[in-house]
Amino acid sequence: DHHINYGSGSGLQDRVAFVQNDPSQYDASIRLADLQVSDTGTYQCRVKKNTVAVHEVIVTVEEKPATPQCWVEGESVRGTNVVLRCFSR
């Protein structure tokens, strides 16, 4: 139908577009720009020419962890034990 259904409140309107200018030329691929963790979900491609073909794709966007914060617990003296602690959000 030459259109993309973005769903309700998805925030995809400015980031999704057909790869080819004219999807009726047998390529209805879409490009999703600036992926975000909230883009995780099931996407459906529904192509209608003479018949209707539907295919679903599950997209999982994972977030890169923040830089860890590390510190030493205990005194750094030869022959003693120390604990190295690291934490990341």
N, C-alpha and C. Protein backbone atom coordinates (compact mmCIF):
# COMPACT_ATOMS: atom_id res chain seq x y z
N ASP A 1 0.82 -1.21 0.00
CA ASP A 1 0.00 0.00 0.00
C ASP A 1 0.86 1.27 0.00
N HIS A 2 2.15 1.15 -0.14
CA HIS A 2 3.08 2.29 -0.18
C HIS A 2 3.08 3.12 1.10
N HIS A 3 2.81 2.49 2.23
CA HIS A 3 2.89 3.25 3.48
C HIS A 3 3.43 2.36 4.60
N ILE A 4 3.92 3.04 5.63
CA ILE A 4 4.45 2.35 6.81
C ILE A 4 3.53 2.67 7.97
N ASN A 5 3.07 1.64 8.69
CA ASN A 5 2.25 1.82 9.87
C ASN A 5 3.20 1.80 11.07
N TYR A 6 3.30 2.91 11.77
CA TYR A 6 4.27 3.05 12.85
C TYR A 6 3.77 2.54 14.19
N GLY A 7 2.52 2.20 14.31
CA GLY A 7 1.97 1.82 15.60
C GLY A 7 1.67 3.07 16.41
N SER A 8 1.04 2.89 17.54
CA SER A 8 0.64 4.05 18.34
C SER A 8 1.75 4.44 19.31
N GLY A 9 2.11 5.70 19.28
CA GLY A 9 3.09 6.24 20.23
C GLY A 9 4.46 5.62 20.15
N SER A 10 4.85 5.13 19.00
CA SER A 10 6.12 4.41 18.89
C SER A 10 7.33 5.32 18.74
N GLY A 11 7.14 6.55 18.26
CA GLY A 11 8.27 7.45 18.05
C GLY A 11 9.14 7.07 16.87
N LEU A 12 8.61 6.26 15.95
CA LEU A 12 9.40 5.81 14.80
C LEU A 12 9.24 6.68 13.56
N GLN A 13 8.29 7.59 13.55
CA GLN A 13 7.94 8.33 12.34
C GLN A 13 9.15 8.97 11.66
N ASP A 14 10.07 9.53 12.41
CA ASP A 14 11.22 10.23 11.82
C ASP A 14 12.41 9.31 11.56
N ARG A 15 12.30 8.01 11.94
CA ARG A 15 13.46 7.13 11.83
C ARG A 15 13.26 5.93 10.92
N VAL A 16 12.06 5.76 10.36
CA VAL A 16 11.79 4.61 9.50
C VAL A 16 11.44 5.10 8.10
N ALA A 17 12.02 4.42 7.11
CA ALA A 17 11.73 4.76 5.72
C ALA A 17 11.95 3.53 4.86
N PHE A 18 11.30 3.49 3.70
CA PHE A 18 11.56 2.43 2.74
C PHE A 18 12.98 2.56 2.22
N VAL A 19 13.66 1.44 1.99
CA VAL A 19 15.02 1.44 1.45
C VAL A 19 14.99 1.95 0.00
N GLN A 20 14.03 1.47 -0.77
CA GLN A 20 13.84 1.93 -2.15
C GLN A 20 12.74 2.98 -2.18
N ASN A 21 12.85 3.95 -3.05
CA ASN A 21 11.83 5.00 -3.13
C ASN A 21 10.46 4.45 -3.50
N ASP A 22 10.43 3.43 -4.35
CA ASP A 22 9.16 2.86 -4.81
C ASP A 22 9.07 1.40 -4.41
N PRO A 23 8.40 1.09 -3.28
CA PRO A 23 8.33 -0.30 -2.82
C PRO A 23 7.56 -1.22 -3.76
N SER A 24 6.83 -0.68 -4.72
CA SER A 24 6.11 -1.54 -5.65
C SER A 24 7.06 -2.22 -6.64
N GLN A 25 8.34 -1.84 -6.62
CA GLN A 25 9.33 -2.46 -7.49
C GLN A 25 9.97 -3.69 -6.82
N TYR A 26 9.17 -4.39 -6.02
CA TYR A 26 9.53 -5.69 -5.43
C TYR A 26 10.53 -5.61 -4.28
N ASP A 27 10.74 -4.44 -3.70
CA ASP A 27 11.57 -4.35 -2.50
C ASP A 27 10.87 -3.43 -1.51
N ALA A 28 10.21 -4.03 -0.55
CA ALA A 28 9.50 -3.25 0.48
C ALA A 28 10.31 -3.19 1.77
N SER A 29 11.63 -3.35 1.67
CA SER A 29 12.48 -3.29 2.85
C SER A 29 12.41 -1.92 3.49
N ILE A 30 12.53 -1.89 4.82
CA ILE A 30 12.57 -0.62 5.52
C ILE A 30 13.89 -0.49 6.27
N ARG A 31 14.27 0.73 6.54
CA ARG A 31 15.48 1.03 7.30
C ARG A 31 15.03 1.72 8.59
N LEU A 32 15.55 1.23 9.70
CA LEU A 32 15.27 1.82 11.01
C LEU A 32 16.55 2.50 11.48
N ALA A 33 16.54 3.82 11.52
CA ALA A 33 17.74 4.60 11.87
C ALA A 33 17.80 4.85 13.38
N ASP A 34 19.00 5.06 13.88
CA ASP A 34 19.23 5.45 15.27
C ASP A 34 18.53 4.50 16.23
N LEU A 35 18.90 3.20 16.17
CA LEU A 35 18.28 2.19 17.02
C LEU A 35 18.32 2.58 18.49
N GLN A 36 17.25 2.26 19.20
CA GLN A 36 17.13 2.53 20.62
C GLN A 36 16.63 1.27 21.31
N VAL A 37 16.93 1.14 22.58
CA VAL A 37 16.48 -0.05 23.33
C VAL A 37 14.96 -0.18 23.23
N SER A 38 14.26 0.94 23.21
CA SER A 38 12.79 0.91 23.14
C SER A 38 12.27 0.39 21.79
N ASP A 39 13.15 0.24 20.79
CA ASP A 39 12.75 -0.30 19.49
C ASP A 39 12.61 -1.82 19.51
N THR A 40 13.00 -2.45 20.61
CA THR A 40 12.87 -3.90 20.74
C THR A 40 11.41 -4.28 20.56
N GLY A 41 11.15 -5.28 19.73
CA GLY A 41 9.78 -5.72 19.53
C GLY A 41 9.64 -6.58 18.29
N THR A 42 8.41 -6.89 17.95
CA THR A 42 8.11 -7.68 16.77
C THR A 42 7.65 -6.75 15.67
N TYR A 43 8.31 -6.84 14.53
CA TYR A 43 7.98 -6.02 13.37
C TYR A 43 7.36 -6.93 12.31
N GLN A 44 6.37 -6.40 11.63
CA GLN A 44 5.67 -7.20 10.63
C GLN A 44 5.76 -6.53 9.27
N CYS A 45 6.12 -7.32 8.28
CA CYS A 45 6.14 -6.86 6.89
C CYS A 45 4.94 -7.50 6.21
N ARG A 46 4.08 -6.66 5.67
CA ARG A 46 2.87 -7.15 5.01
C ARG A 46 2.86 -6.59 3.59
N VAL A 47 3.08 -7.48 2.64
CA VAL A 47 3.17 -7.09 1.24
C VAL A 47 1.93 -7.59 0.51
N LYS A 48 1.28 -6.68 -0.21
CA LYS A 48 0.06 -7.04 -0.92
C LYS A 48 0.24 -6.70 -2.39
N LYS A 49 0.28 -7.71 -3.23
CA LYS A 49 0.31 -7.52 -4.69
C LYS A 49 -0.95 -8.22 -5.20
N ASN A 50 -0.85 -9.42 -5.68
CA ASN A 50 -2.04 -10.20 -6.05
C ASN A 50 -2.60 -10.92 -4.83
N THR A 51 -1.70 -11.34 -3.96
CA THR A 51 -2.08 -11.96 -2.70
C THR A 51 -1.38 -11.19 -1.58
N VAL A 52 -1.64 -11.58 -0.36
CA VAL A 52 -1.01 -10.93 0.80
C VAL A 52 0.01 -11.87 1.40
N ALA A 53 1.23 -11.38 1.60
CA ALA A 53 2.28 -12.14 2.27
C ALA A 53 2.66 -11.38 3.53
N VAL A 54 2.78 -12.12 4.62
CA VAL A 54 3.11 -11.50 5.91
C VAL A 54 4.31 -12.22 6.49
N HIS A 55 5.25 -11.45 7.00
CA HIS A 55 6.42 -12.03 7.66
C HIS A 55 6.72 -11.18 8.90
N GLU A 56 7.00 -11.85 10.01
CA GLU A 56 7.33 -11.14 11.24
C GLU A 56 8.80 -11.31 11.58
N VAL A 57 9.40 -10.26 12.08
CA VAL A 57 10.80 -10.27 12.49
C VAL A 57 10.87 -9.75 13.93
N ILE A 58 11.56 -10.48 14.78
CA ILE A 58 11.75 -10.04 16.16
C ILE A 58 13.09 -9.31 16.23
N VAL A 59 13.04 -8.06 16.70
CA VAL A 59 14.25 -7.25 16.83
C VAL A 59 14.52 -7.03 18.31
N THR A 60 15.75 -7.34 18.72
CA THR A 60 16.16 -7.11 20.10
C THR A 60 17.34 -6.15 20.08
N VAL A 61 17.16 -5.00 20.72
CA VAL A 61 18.22 -4.00 20.80
C VAL A 61 18.76 -4.02 22.22
N GLU A 62 20.04 -4.31 22.36
CA GLU A 62 20.65 -4.36 23.68
C GLU A 62 21.48 -3.12 23.90
N GLU A 63 21.49 -2.67 25.13
CA GLU A 63 22.22 -1.46 25.48
C GLU A 63 23.62 -1.81 25.94
N LYS A 64 24.58 -1.05 25.46
CA LYS A 64 25.96 -1.23 25.88
C LYS A 64 26.08 -0.78 27.34
N PRO A 65 26.73 -1.57 28.19
CA PRO A 65 26.84 -1.16 29.59
C PRO A 65 27.69 0.09 29.73
N ALA A 66 27.41 0.82 30.79
CA ALA A 66 28.18 2.03 31.08
C ALA A 66 29.60 1.64 31.49
N THR A 67 30.50 2.57 31.40
CA THR A 67 31.88 2.34 31.84
C THR A 67 31.87 1.99 33.33
N PRO A 68 32.52 0.89 33.70
CA PRO A 68 32.48 0.49 35.11
C PRO A 68 33.28 1.44 36.01
N GLN A 69 32.82 1.51 37.24
CA GLN A 69 33.55 2.24 38.29
C GLN A 69 34.26 1.18 39.12
N CYS A 70 35.55 1.32 39.28
CA CYS A 70 36.33 0.31 40.00
C CYS A 70 37.12 0.96 41.13
N TRP A 71 37.34 0.19 42.19
CA TRP A 71 38.12 0.68 43.32
C TRP A 71 38.72 -0.51 44.07
N VAL A 72 39.67 -0.21 44.94
CA VAL A 72 40.37 -1.23 45.73
C VAL A 72 39.91 -1.11 47.17
N GLU A 73 39.59 -2.25 47.77
CA GLU A 73 39.28 -2.29 49.20
C GLU A 73 40.43 -3.00 49.90
N GLY A 74 41.01 -2.35 50.83
CA GLY A 74 42.15 -2.90 51.55
C GLY A 74 43.41 -2.14 51.20
N GLU A 75 44.42 -2.36 51.99
CA GLU A 75 45.68 -1.66 51.78
C GLU A 75 46.56 -2.47 50.83
N SER A 76 47.14 -1.79 49.86
CA SER A 76 47.99 -2.46 48.88
C SER A 76 49.39 -2.63 49.44
N VAL A 77 49.54 -3.66 50.24
CA VAL A 77 50.83 -3.95 50.85
C VAL A 77 51.20 -5.37 50.46
N ARG A 78 52.45 -5.55 50.07
CA ARG A 78 52.91 -6.88 49.65
C ARG A 78 52.64 -7.91 50.73
N GLY A 79 52.02 -9.02 50.28
CA GLY A 79 51.75 -10.12 51.20
C GLY A 79 50.37 -10.05 51.84
N THR A 80 49.61 -8.97 51.59
CA THR A 80 48.26 -8.88 52.15
C THR A 80 47.23 -9.07 51.03
N ASN A 81 46.02 -9.28 51.43
CA ASN A 81 44.93 -9.45 50.47
C ASN A 81 44.24 -8.12 50.21
N VAL A 82 43.79 -7.93 48.98
CA VAL A 82 42.97 -6.77 48.63
C VAL A 82 41.77 -7.28 47.82
N VAL A 83 40.73 -6.49 47.80
CA VAL A 83 39.54 -6.82 47.02
C VAL A 83 39.39 -5.74 45.96
N LEU A 84 39.26 -6.17 44.69
CA LEU A 84 39.02 -5.24 43.60
C LEU A 84 37.53 -5.26 43.32
N ARG A 85 36.88 -4.11 43.43
CA ARG A 85 35.44 -4.00 43.22
C ARG A 85 35.17 -3.22 41.94
N CYS A 86 34.18 -3.67 41.17
CA CYS A 86 33.75 -2.96 39.97
C CYS A 86 32.22 -2.97 39.94
N PHE A 87 31.67 -1.88 39.43
CA PHE A 87 30.22 -1.73 39.37
C PHE A 87 29.88 -1.00 38.06
N SER A 88 28.82 -1.45 37.40
CA SER A 88 28.37 -0.79 36.19
C SER A 88 26.86 -0.73 36.20
N ARG A 89 26.31 0.39 35.78
CA ARG A 89 24.84 0.53 35.71
C ARG A 89 24.32 -0.13 34.47
